[in-house]
N, C-alpha and C. Protein backbone atom coordinates (compact mmCIF):
# COMPACT_ATOMS: atom_id res chain seq x y z
N MET A 1 60.91 53.30 65.60
CA MET A 1 59.70 53.68 66.52
C MET A 1 60.19 52.41 67.54
N ARG A 2 59.14 51.96 68.49
CA ARG A 2 59.34 51.35 69.62
C ARG A 2 59.95 50.10 69.67
N ASP A 3 59.52 49.09 68.30
CA ASP A 3 59.73 48.04 68.71
C ASP A 3 60.80 48.12 67.67
N GLY A 4 62.15 48.71 66.66
CA GLY A 4 63.22 49.34 66.92
C GLY A 4 63.38 49.44 64.85
N SER A 5 61.99 48.86 64.25
CA SER A 5 62.25 49.20 63.03
C SER A 5 61.93 50.16 62.97
N PHE A 6 62.31 50.57 62.08
CA PHE A 6 62.68 52.31 60.91
C PHE A 6 62.14 52.13 59.48
N ILE A 7 61.25 53.77 59.37
CA ILE A 7 61.07 53.80 58.35
C ILE A 7 62.07 54.21 56.84
N VAL A 8 62.74 54.34 55.68
CA VAL A 8 63.35 55.23 54.99
C VAL A 8 62.23 55.85 53.53
N SER A 9 62.51 56.96 53.12
CA SER A 9 61.95 57.04 52.09
C SER A 9 63.32 56.69 51.25
N ASP A 10 62.46 56.97 49.86
CA ASP A 10 63.26 55.33 48.52
C ASP A 10 62.78 56.80 47.43
N GLY A 11 62.61 58.14 47.21
CA GLY A 11 61.62 58.39 46.41
C GLY A 11 62.41 59.36 45.43
N TYR A 12 63.51 59.30 45.17
CA TYR A 12 64.54 59.34 43.79
C TYR A 12 64.17 58.65 43.30
N CYS A 13 64.25 57.49 43.26
CA CYS A 13 63.66 56.34 42.17
C CYS A 13 63.15 55.89 42.19
N ASN A 14 62.27 55.37 43.73
CA ASN A 14 61.42 54.31 44.09
C ASN A 14 59.97 55.06 43.47
N SER A 15 59.99 55.91 43.94
CA SER A 15 59.14 57.14 44.62
C SER A 15 57.59 55.86 46.06
N ARG A 16 59.15 55.85 46.70
CA ARG A 16 58.51 55.06 47.74
C ARG A 16 59.24 55.70 48.48
N ALA A 17 58.07 54.86 49.93
CA ALA A 17 58.94 54.87 51.63
C ALA A 17 59.55 53.52 51.85
N VAL A 18 60.47 52.56 52.35
CA VAL A 18 60.15 51.39 52.79
C VAL A 18 60.45 50.95 54.55
N ARG A 19 59.72 50.41 54.67
CA ARG A 19 59.84 49.79 56.72
C ARG A 19 60.92 48.59 56.60
N PHE A 20 61.17 49.14 57.61
CA PHE A 20 62.72 47.98 57.47
C PHE A 20 62.28 46.92 59.40
N THR A 21 62.84 46.37 60.00
CA THR A 21 62.42 45.60 60.85
C THR A 21 64.48 45.87 61.87
N ALA A 22 64.14 45.56 62.95
CA ALA A 22 65.31 46.39 63.68
C ALA A 22 66.74 45.09 63.23
N ALA A 23 66.49 44.57 62.43
CA ALA A 23 67.93 44.39 62.51
C ALA A 23 68.34 44.59 61.37
N GLY A 24 66.96 44.56 60.32
CA GLY A 24 67.92 45.74 58.86
C GLY A 24 66.39 44.79 57.95
N ALA A 25 65.66 43.64 58.04
CA ALA A 25 65.35 42.93 56.92
C ALA A 25 64.02 44.06 56.76
N TYR A 26 63.48 43.66 54.65
CA TYR A 26 62.55 44.49 54.51
C TYR A 26 61.26 44.45 55.48
N GLN A 27 60.16 45.04 55.87
CA GLN A 27 58.82 44.64 55.81
C GLN A 27 57.65 44.69 55.19
N LYS A 28 57.72 46.64 54.71
CA LYS A 28 56.75 46.88 54.20
C LYS A 28 57.18 47.89 53.19
N GLU A 29 56.18 48.02 51.81
CA GLU A 29 56.58 49.79 51.77
C GLU A 29 55.79 50.46 51.03
N TYR A 30 55.57 51.98 51.38
CA TYR A 30 54.21 52.63 51.24
C TYR A 30 54.76 53.33 49.91
N GLY A 31 53.40 53.52 49.25
CA GLY A 31 53.37 54.66 48.30
C GLY A 31 54.21 53.87 46.82
N GLY A 32 54.76 54.71 46.02
CA GLY A 32 55.89 54.01 44.57
C GLY A 32 54.62 54.37 43.97
N ARG A 33 54.67 54.80 42.71
CA ARG A 33 54.40 55.21 41.60
C ARG A 33 52.70 54.83 41.05
N ALA A 34 52.61 53.49 41.30
CA ALA A 34 51.67 52.36 41.41
C ALA A 34 50.69 52.10 42.81
N GLY A 35 51.16 52.57 43.48
CA GLY A 35 51.23 52.17 44.94
C GLY A 35 49.51 53.29 45.19
N ILE A 36 49.48 53.19 46.71
CA ILE A 36 47.99 54.02 46.99
C ILE A 36 48.99 55.28 47.47
N GLY A 37 48.50 56.33 46.99
CA GLY A 37 48.51 57.36 46.82
C GLY A 37 49.78 57.57 45.87
N GLY A 38 49.66 57.39 45.06
CA GLY A 38 50.50 57.70 43.73
C GLY A 38 51.43 58.55 43.82
N MET A 39 52.45 58.09 44.13
CA MET A 39 53.54 59.50 45.21
C MET A 39 54.40 59.95 44.03
N SER A 40 54.90 61.39 43.95
CA SER A 40 56.19 61.00 43.02
C SER A 40 57.39 61.19 43.57
N VAL A 41 57.94 61.93 44.34
CA VAL A 41 59.03 61.73 44.83
C VAL A 41 58.73 62.64 46.18
N VAL A 42 59.02 60.50 46.58
CA VAL A 42 58.78 60.80 49.14
C VAL A 42 59.76 61.30 49.63
N HIS A 43 59.70 62.21 50.36
CA HIS A 43 61.30 63.22 50.39
C HIS A 43 60.99 63.05 52.19
N SER A 44 59.71 63.35 52.87
CA SER A 44 60.24 63.03 54.38
C SER A 44 59.53 62.23 54.81
N VAL A 45 59.34 61.40 55.21
CA VAL A 45 58.53 61.01 56.18
C VAL A 45 58.52 61.33 57.52
N ALA A 46 57.30 60.98 58.27
CA ALA A 46 56.69 61.41 59.92
C ALA A 46 55.14 59.72 59.82
N VAL A 47 55.90 59.92 61.99
CA VAL A 47 55.01 58.47 62.14
C VAL A 47 54.25 59.16 62.78
N ASP A 48 53.08 58.72 63.07
CA ASP A 48 52.41 58.64 64.67
C ASP A 48 52.25 57.26 64.40
N GLU A 49 53.11 57.08 66.01
CA GLU A 49 52.91 55.59 66.69
C GLU A 49 50.83 54.96 67.05
N CYS A 50 51.06 56.53 68.25
CA CYS A 50 50.37 56.05 69.37
C CYS A 50 49.06 56.45 68.18
N GLY A 51 48.14 57.09 67.37
CA GLY A 51 47.77 57.65 65.53
C GLY A 51 47.35 56.71 64.87
N GLU A 52 48.55 55.93 64.57
CA GLU A 52 49.11 54.85 63.51
C GLU A 52 48.23 55.30 62.64
N ARG A 53 49.05 56.74 62.04
CA ARG A 53 49.44 56.90 61.12
C ARG A 53 50.76 57.41 60.34
N LEU A 54 50.86 57.38 59.21
CA LEU A 54 52.84 57.32 58.29
C LEU A 54 52.39 59.20 57.91
N TYR A 55 52.78 59.97 57.94
CA TYR A 55 52.78 61.30 56.93
C TYR A 55 53.81 61.03 56.39
N LEU A 56 53.64 60.87 54.79
CA LEU A 56 55.04 60.84 53.63
C LEU A 56 54.25 62.57 52.45
N ALA A 57 55.54 62.61 52.70
CA ALA A 57 55.68 64.59 52.49
C ALA A 57 56.59 64.05 50.42
N ASP A 58 54.90 64.54 49.40
CA ASP A 58 55.59 64.02 48.07
C ASP A 58 55.86 65.64 47.71
N ARG A 59 57.33 65.84 47.69
CA ARG A 59 58.37 66.58 46.64
C ARG A 59 57.65 67.46 45.44
N GLU A 60 57.32 66.70 44.81
CA GLU A 60 57.26 67.08 43.63
C GLU A 60 55.60 67.13 43.36
N GLY A 61 55.01 66.18 44.23
CA GLY A 61 54.07 66.94 44.43
C GLY A 61 53.08 67.55 44.92
N LYS A 62 53.99 67.96 45.75
CA LYS A 62 53.05 69.18 46.64
C LYS A 62 52.03 69.14 47.13
N ARG A 63 52.45 67.44 48.25
CA ARG A 63 51.36 67.20 49.27
C ARG A 63 51.86 66.63 50.78
N VAL A 64 50.68 66.05 51.07
CA VAL A 64 51.55 65.46 52.56
C VAL A 64 50.11 63.93 52.16
N VAL A 65 50.65 62.80 51.98
CA VAL A 65 49.85 62.42 52.18
C VAL A 65 49.75 61.15 53.65
N ALA A 66 48.78 60.88 54.19
CA ALA A 66 48.92 59.44 55.23
C ALA A 66 47.94 58.33 54.95
N LEU A 67 48.60 57.18 55.74
CA LEU A 67 48.57 55.97 55.49
C LEU A 67 48.71 55.54 56.81
N HIS A 68 48.16 54.86 56.37
CA HIS A 68 47.27 53.72 58.02
C HIS A 68 48.66 52.87 58.33
N LEU A 69 49.58 53.14 59.29
CA LEU A 69 51.14 52.83 59.16
C LEU A 69 50.90 51.13 59.15
N ASN A 70 50.11 50.51 59.78
CA ASN A 70 49.84 48.94 59.49
C ASN A 70 49.48 48.13 57.84
N THR A 71 48.55 49.07 57.25
CA THR A 71 48.00 47.92 56.50
C THR A 71 48.20 49.43 55.00
N GLY A 72 48.85 50.33 55.88
CA GLY A 72 49.13 51.05 53.43
C GLY A 72 48.16 51.70 53.54
N ASP A 73 46.90 51.35 54.24
CA ASP A 73 45.63 52.59 52.93
C ASP A 73 45.75 54.23 53.54
N LEU A 74 45.30 54.73 52.16
CA LEU A 74 45.59 55.69 52.24
C LEU A 74 44.56 56.71 53.35
N LEU A 75 44.42 57.41 53.91
CA LEU A 75 43.66 58.06 55.37
C LEU A 75 43.44 59.30 54.74
N ARG A 76 43.97 59.96 53.69
CA ARG A 76 44.32 61.61 53.60
C ARG A 76 45.20 61.65 52.75
N GLU A 77 44.19 62.66 52.35
CA GLU A 77 45.70 63.36 50.81
C GLU A 77 45.33 65.28 51.39
C-alpha cells in the first residue's frame, strides 16, 4: 500500500488476512472463523485504498467479502 504496509492471506490454518507495517510488525487481522465475515479459507486479497475497502476471497465459502480497510467492518458479502 502507499504507506508500505502490506496484507497477506493466512487462510489454510487461521482463516484470516493479516496486515503488517512496512517494517513487518503485526498491525491488524481481518476475518477469522469467529471474526467478521466468518471466513473459511482466505485465498486471495485485493485492496482498494481510495475506497478504503479490502476484498477477501473465501475459497471454501465460494464468496468474496468486502471489509472496511481501516476498521475491518463488514461492508458486503
